[in-house]
């Protein structure tokens, strides 16, 4: 099977999986709200508004007709008007999704750096104190609930020691940059708004580190396993016999050839972080997609909850699809069947 056939097959599977997510969301929304028009309109809507929503979203039509229009609207990201935020849900997505992506990208960089170098360190000190210390640290972080990791960081680093700000995206007294790309840090750089840039960077560190703390363990384990295989290879033994320094062998030759499974795993870590960001953003009041979802849940904002759920589901599917493609492209030894 050629690489392009493999990619097309994976793309078709991803598309049908996205359709499945949309159908499942539709069914669950109707189970939770048998009369969705009343929830969609908000708790204090007038009867005329409820009737208008019934007509607009075809809620007076048979079930299969509702599903058809629901799928069309979801695939075009037309989720209606938010009764709480008083604006279209797709416009809210444009505002809040880049903020979550900004948080996740920084968290992925931290996860990769911590996981790769801790895994390499554990492999270098196999069955020694360094190996056991790294194992203990990543097992503790892996078993720790995301909210607990976030609260501990917030308690000690922000409140007890005062090193970093405890919440929000930036100092609220500073003027926000114009939405050029949608990513606040990048927009601040483009605009030259350096006080906001520095403030938003400081506010980003704690939630990003909280996300990295609950995710780096799996990178550490894979890096350690790959490094141990590489260190037992003939070319590594030959380098050691030639007198190459051990640290150079470990962190240059062996580490470089252990990156294939790690790179593909980072795409999967991205999907885990999307779900984890819902809790992290709520704790740190970091106004991204996770914060938007929890705020919508608290205020019975039915259209926004559906929109966020579908977008998060699609992002997870696309992240897994990217991982499959990366593995096939980076490692030509993979069987594409």
Protein backbone atom coordinates (compact mmCIF):
# COMPACT_ATOMS: atom_id res chain seq x y z
CA UNK A 1 0.00 0.00 0.00
CA UNK A 2 1.39 3.42 -0.96
CA UNK A 3 1.63 6.27 1.49
CA UNK A 4 -1.10 8.22 -0.32
CA UNK A 5 -3.52 5.30 -0.18
CA UNK A 6 -2.76 4.99 3.52
CA UNK A 7 -3.43 8.71 4.08
CA UNK A 8 -6.70 8.61 2.11
CA UNK A 9 -7.91 5.57 4.08
CA UNK A 10 -7.10 7.28 7.37
CA UNK A 11 -8.80 10.50 6.21
CA UNK A 12 -11.99 8.60 5.32
CA UNK A 13 -11.99 6.90 8.73
CA UNK A 14 -11.44 10.25 10.46
CA UNK A 15 -14.32 11.82 8.54
CA UNK A 16 -16.76 9.05 9.50
CA UNK A 17 -15.55 9.25 13.09
CA UNK A 18 -16.33 12.99 13.08
CA UNK A 19 -19.80 12.21 11.73
CA UNK A 20 -20.20 9.71 14.57
CA UNK A 21 -19.25 12.38 17.11
CA UNK A 22 -21.85 14.75 15.66
CA UNK A 23 -24.58 12.08 15.73
CA UNK A 24 -23.68 11.08 19.30
CA UNK A 25 -23.75 14.72 20.41
CA UNK A 26 -27.18 15.12 18.79
CA UNK A 27 -28.57 12.04 20.56
CA UNK A 28 -27.14 13.00 23.95
CA UNK A 29 -28.39 16.57 23.65
CA UNK A 30 -31.92 15.32 23.00
CA UNK A 31 -31.72 12.83 25.87
CA UNK A 32 -30.57 15.55 28.29
CA UNK A 33 -33.04 18.11 26.92
CA UNK A 34 -36.20 16.54 25.44
CA UNK A 35 -37.40 20.07 24.55
CA UNK A 36 -34.14 21.64 23.31
CA UNK A 37 -35.80 24.84 22.10
CA UNK A 38 -36.45 25.95 25.69
CA UNK A 39 -32.84 25.30 26.68
CA UNK A 40 -31.51 26.76 23.43
CA UNK A 41 -33.44 29.99 23.97
CA UNK A 42 -32.27 30.43 27.54
CA UNK A 43 -34.12 30.31 30.86
CA UNK A 44 -35.92 33.64 30.48
CA UNK A 45 -36.86 33.63 26.80
CA UNK A 46 -40.29 34.79 25.64
CA UNK A 47 -42.65 32.23 23.99
CA UNK A 48 -42.24 33.98 20.65
CA UNK A 49 -38.47 33.46 20.84
CA UNK A 50 -38.95 29.77 21.61
CA UNK A 51 -41.25 29.38 18.60
CA UNK A 52 -38.75 31.18 16.37
CA UNK A 53 -36.01 28.76 17.47
CA UNK A 54 -38.27 25.77 16.83
CA UNK A 55 -38.81 26.99 13.26
CA UNK A 56 -35.17 27.99 12.67
CA UNK A 57 -33.71 24.68 13.83
CA UNK A 58 -36.52 22.49 12.43
CA UNK A 59 -37.43 21.16 15.87
CA UNK A 60 -41.04 20.68 14.72
CA UNK A 61 -39.85 18.27 12.00
CA UNK A 62 -39.38 14.47 12.31
CA UNK A 63 -36.33 13.20 14.16
CA UNK A 64 -34.34 12.24 11.04
CA UNK A 65 -34.96 15.69 9.49
CA UNK A 66 -33.66 17.35 12.65
CA UNK A 67 -30.57 15.14 12.51
CA UNK A 68 -29.94 16.05 8.86
CA UNK A 69 -30.05 19.80 9.51
CA UNK A 70 -28.05 19.34 12.72
CA UNK A 71 -25.26 17.58 10.81
CA UNK A 72 -25.21 20.23 8.10
CA UNK A 73 -25.03 23.01 10.69
CA UNK A 74 -22.30 21.21 12.66
CA UNK A 75 -20.14 20.56 9.60
CA UNK A 76 -20.40 24.25 8.68
CA UNK A 77 -19.82 25.30 12.33
CA UNK A 78 -23.18 27.04 12.51
CA UNK A 79 -24.19 26.41 16.12
CA UNK A 80 -26.63 29.29 16.47
CA UNK A 81 -26.64 32.21 18.91
CA UNK A 82 -25.40 31.89 22.48
CA UNK A 83 -28.19 32.97 24.89
CA UNK A 84 -25.59 33.83 27.56
CA UNK A 85 -22.89 35.58 25.51
CA UNK A 86 -25.45 37.10 23.06
CA UNK A 87 -23.40 36.39 19.94
CA UNK A 88 -22.99 33.57 17.39
CA UNK A 89 -21.22 30.51 18.79
CA UNK A 90 -18.87 30.28 15.79
CA UNK A 91 -17.66 33.81 16.56
CA UNK A 92 -16.99 32.73 20.14
CA UNK A 93 -14.95 29.80 18.77
CA UNK A 94 -12.83 32.18 16.71
CA UNK A 95 -12.06 34.18 19.87
CA UNK A 96 -11.51 31.41 22.43
CA UNK A 97 -10.08 28.49 20.42
CA UNK A 98 -6.75 30.24 19.57
CA UNK A 99 -6.24 30.97 23.26
CA UNK A 100 -6.54 27.27 24.08
CA UNK A 101 -4.23 26.35 21.20
CA UNK A 102 -1.73 28.91 22.50
CA UNK A 103 -1.83 27.26 25.92
CA UNK A 104 -1.54 23.74 24.49
CA UNK A 105 1.39 24.56 22.19
CA UNK A 106 3.41 25.95 25.10
CA UNK A 107 2.42 22.97 27.26
CA UNK A 108 3.50 20.57 24.50
CA UNK A 109 6.91 22.23 24.28
CA UNK A 110 7.33 21.84 28.05
CA UNK A 111 6.04 18.26 27.92
CA UNK A 112 8.44 17.35 25.13
CA UNK A 113 11.46 18.93 26.80
CA UNK A 114 10.75 17.48 30.25
CA UNK A 115 9.72 14.05 28.94
CA UNK A 116 12.57 13.61 26.45
CA UNK A 117 15.39 14.67 28.73
CA UNK A 118 14.03 12.89 31.82
CA UNK A 119 13.63 9.72 29.72
CA UNK A 120 17.17 10.05 28.38
CA UNK A 121 18.47 10.67 31.91
CA UNK A 122 16.65 7.57 33.19
CA UNK A 123 18.06 5.45 30.34
CA UNK A 124 21.58 6.74 31.02
CA UNK A 125 21.25 5.71 34.70
CA UNK A 126 19.33 2.48 34.10
CA UNK A 127 18.55 0.63 37.36
CA UNK A 128 20.30 3.37 39.29
CA UNK A 129 19.18 6.20 41.53
CA UNK A 130 18.46 8.48 38.56
CA UNK A 131 16.24 5.87 36.89
CA UNK A 132 14.22 5.21 40.05
CA UNK A 133 13.87 8.94 40.82
CA UNK A 134 12.50 9.69 37.35
CA UNK A 135 10.11 6.72 37.57
CA UNK A 136 8.79 7.92 40.93
CA UNK A 137 8.28 11.48 39.68
CA UNK A 138 6.41 10.59 36.51
CA UNK A 139 4.27 7.97 38.28
CA UNK A 140 3.23 10.53 40.89
CA UNK A 141 2.40 13.12 38.23
CA UNK A 142 0.64 10.56 36.02
CA UNK A 143 -1.60 9.37 38.87
CA UNK A 144 -2.35 12.88 40.09
CA UNK A 145 -5.74 14.30 38.99
CA UNK A 146 -5.34 17.37 36.74
CA UNK A 147 -7.23 19.64 39.11
CA UNK A 148 -4.95 18.64 42.02
CA UNK A 149 -1.78 19.38 40.05
CA UNK A 150 -3.19 22.76 39.03
CA UNK A 151 -4.29 23.65 42.57
CA UNK A 152 -0.93 22.69 44.10
CA UNK A 153 0.96 24.82 41.57
CA UNK A 154 -1.44 27.68 42.15
CA UNK A 155 -1.18 27.38 45.93
CA UNK A 156 2.60 27.24 46.29
CA UNK A 157 4.06 29.04 43.25
CA UNK A 158 1.43 31.77 43.00
CA UNK A 159 0.02 32.33 46.49
CA UNK A 160 2.74 31.11 48.90
CA UNK A 161 5.87 32.17 47.01
CA UNK A 162 4.39 34.83 44.71
CA UNK A 163 6.63 33.86 41.79
CA UNK A 164 3.93 33.86 39.09
CA UNK A 165 0.37 35.28 38.82
CA UNK A 166 -2.34 32.85 39.98
CA UNK A 167 -5.00 33.30 37.28
CA UNK A 168 -6.32 35.19 34.25
CA UNK A 169 -4.65 35.54 30.83
CA UNK A 170 -2.87 38.82 31.50
CA UNK A 171 -2.95 41.86 33.74
CA UNK A 172 -6.51 43.23 33.25
CA UNK A 173 -5.26 46.81 33.59
CA UNK A 174 -3.20 46.52 30.40
CA UNK A 175 -4.76 47.28 26.99
CA UNK A 176 -5.32 44.14 24.94
CA UNK A 177 -3.74 43.88 21.47
CA UNK A 178 -5.89 44.03 18.36
CA UNK A 179 -7.05 40.58 17.17
CA UNK A 180 -4.73 40.11 14.19
CA UNK A 181 -4.05 36.35 14.33
CA UNK A 182 -6.32 35.52 17.28
CA UNK A 183 -3.36 34.40 19.40
CA UNK A 184 -2.91 37.09 22.10
CA UNK A 185 0.85 36.60 22.55
CA UNK A 186 1.55 36.73 18.80
CA UNK A 187 -0.76 39.73 18.36
CA UNK A 188 1.04 41.56 21.16
CA UNK A 189 4.40 40.87 19.46
CA UNK A 190 3.14 42.09 16.08
CA UNK A 191 1.67 45.22 17.63
CA UNK A 192 4.73 45.86 19.78
CA UNK A 193 2.62 45.78 22.93
CA UNK A 194 5.48 44.45 25.07
CA UNK A 195 3.93 45.01 28.54
CA UNK A 196 0.95 42.85 27.51
CA UNK A 197 3.27 40.30 25.89
CA UNK A 198 5.35 39.89 29.08
CA UNK A 199 2.25 39.79 31.26
CA UNK A 200 0.49 37.18 29.12
CA UNK A 201 3.66 35.07 29.03
CA UNK A 202 3.87 35.12 32.84
CA UNK A 203 0.19 34.19 33.14
CA UNK A 204 0.68 31.37 30.63
CA UNK A 205 3.48 29.54 32.46
CA UNK A 206 1.50 28.06 35.37
CA UNK A 207 -1.45 26.58 33.39
CA UNK A 208 0.94 25.34 30.69
CA UNK A 209 3.18 23.71 33.29
CA UNK A 210 0.13 22.13 34.96
CA UNK A 211 -0.84 20.58 31.62
CA UNK A 212 2.74 19.43 31.03
CA UNK A 213 2.97 17.95 34.52
CA UNK A 214 0.11 15.53 33.90
CA UNK A 215 1.35 14.55 30.42
CA UNK A 216 5.14 14.28 30.43
CA UNK A 217 5.20 10.80 32.03
CA UNK A 218 4.16 8.95 28.89
CA UNK A 219 6.86 10.78 26.88
CA UNK A 220 9.40 9.85 29.55
CA UNK A 221 8.50 6.16 29.40
CA UNK A 222 8.61 5.95 25.60
CA UNK A 223 11.89 7.91 25.43
CA UNK A 224 13.47 5.66 28.07
CA UNK A 225 12.39 2.48 26.25
CA UNK A 226 13.58 3.77 22.87
CA UNK A 227 16.86 4.97 24.35
CA UNK A 228 17.57 1.59 25.93
CA UNK A 229 17.06 -0.09 22.54
CA UNK A 230 19.33 2.45 20.87
CA UNK A 231 22.02 2.13 23.54
CA UNK A 232 22.18 -1.63 22.93
CA UNK A 233 22.70 -1.13 19.18
CA UNK A 234 25.96 -1.93 17.42
CA UNK A 235 26.64 1.64 16.28
CA UNK A 236 26.41 2.87 19.88
CA UNK A 237 28.82 0.18 21.06
CA UNK A 238 31.17 1.14 18.23
CA UNK A 239 31.04 4.81 19.25
CA UNK A 240 31.84 3.93 22.86
CA UNK A 241 34.74 1.71 21.75
CA UNK A 242 36.15 4.60 19.70
CA UNK A 243 36.33 6.61 22.90
CA UNK A 244 33.41 8.97 22.30
CA UNK A 245 32.27 10.60 25.55
CA UNK A 246 29.33 8.76 27.10
CA UNK A 247 27.10 11.83 27.47
CA UNK A 248 27.66 12.69 23.82
CA UNK A 249 26.74 9.15 22.81
CA UNK A 250 23.59 9.22 24.95
CA UNK A 251 22.31 12.74 24.24
CA UNK A 252 23.41 13.06 20.61
CA UNK A 253 23.55 9.70 18.82
CA UNK A 254 21.12 7.55 20.83
CA UNK A 255 18.61 10.32 21.58
CA UNK A 256 18.40 11.40 17.94
CA UNK A 257 17.49 7.89 16.81
CA UNK A 258 14.91 7.47 19.59
CA UNK A 259 12.73 10.39 18.51
CA UNK A 260 10.46 8.63 15.97
CA UNK A 261 7.97 7.18 18.48
CA UNK A 262 8.20 10.33 20.62
CA UNK A 263 7.31 12.68 17.75
CA UNK A 264 4.24 10.65 16.84
CA UNK A 265 3.23 10.38 20.49
CA UNK A 266 3.28 14.17 20.83
CA UNK A 267 0.36 14.33 18.39
CA UNK A 268 -1.61 12.07 20.73
CA UNK A 269 -0.55 14.16 23.74
CA UNK A 270 -2.14 17.12 21.95
CA UNK A 271 -5.53 15.38 22.04
CA UNK A 272 -5.13 14.57 25.76
CA UNK A 273 -4.28 18.19 26.49
CA UNK A 274 -7.41 19.45 24.76
CA UNK A 275 -9.57 17.51 27.21
CA UNK A 276 -7.28 18.38 30.13
CA UNK A 277 -7.41 22.08 29.29
CA UNK A 278 -11.11 22.19 30.25
CA UNK A 279 -10.19 21.69 33.92
CA UNK A 280 -6.94 23.65 33.85
CA UNK A 281 -8.51 26.72 32.24
CA UNK A 282 -11.34 26.71 34.76
CA UNK A 283 -8.97 26.64 37.73
CA UNK A 284 -6.68 29.36 36.38
CA UNK A 285 -9.55 31.42 34.86
CA UNK A 286 -7.65 31.22 31.60
CA UNK A 287 -10.29 32.28 29.08
CA UNK A 288 -9.91 29.68 26.37
CA UNK A 289 -12.24 27.05 24.92
CA UNK A 290 -12.26 25.02 28.16
CA UNK A 291 -13.24 28.07 30.18
CA UNK A 292 -15.92 28.86 27.59
CA UNK A 293 -17.34 25.33 27.89
CA UNK A 294 -17.53 25.33 31.69
CA UNK A 295 -19.03 28.84 31.72
CA UNK A 296 -21.67 27.69 29.22
CA UNK A 297 -22.45 24.64 31.37
CA UNK A 298 -22.92 26.74 34.50
CA UNK A 299 -25.27 29.10 32.66
CA UNK A 300 -27.26 26.47 30.70
CA UNK A 301 -25.91 27.84 27.42
CA UNK A 302 -27.02 24.90 25.26
CA UNK A 303 -25.69 26.05 21.83
CA UNK A 304 -22.24 26.88 23.20
CA UNK A 305 -21.95 23.55 25.04
CA UNK A 306 -22.79 21.66 21.84
CA UNK A 307 -20.42 23.75 19.75
CA UNK A 308 -17.50 23.34 22.17
CA UNK A 309 -18.11 19.60 22.52
CA UNK A 310 -18.12 19.05 18.75
CA UNK A 311 -15.02 21.22 18.18
CA UNK A 312 -13.11 19.40 20.94
CA UNK A 313 -14.17 16.03 19.50
CA UNK A 314 -13.06 17.04 16.01
CA UNK A 315 -9.73 18.30 17.35
CA UNK A 316 -9.08 14.96 19.07
CA UNK A 317 -9.88 13.03 15.87
CA UNK A 318 -7.60 15.29 13.80
CA UNK A 319 -4.79 14.92 16.35
CA UNK A 320 -5.00 11.11 16.13
CA UNK A 321 -5.12 11.34 12.33
CA UNK A 322 -1.99 13.52 12.39
CA UNK A 323 -0.23 10.97 14.62
CA UNK A 324 -1.00 8.19 12.14
CA UNK A 325 0.31 10.24 9.22
CA UNK A 326 3.44 11.35 11.06
CA UNK A 327 4.31 7.78 11.96
CA UNK A 328 3.89 6.65 8.36
CA UNK A 329 5.93 9.54 6.96
CA UNK A 330 8.74 9.59 9.54
CA UNK A 331 9.26 5.83 9.77
CA UNK A 332 9.22 4.21 6.31
CA UNK A 333 9.55 0.79 7.93
CA UNK A 334 5.94 0.88 9.11
CA UNK A 335 3.54 -1.54 7.44
CA UNK A 336 0.88 0.64 5.85
CA UNK A 337 -1.68 -2.15 5.67
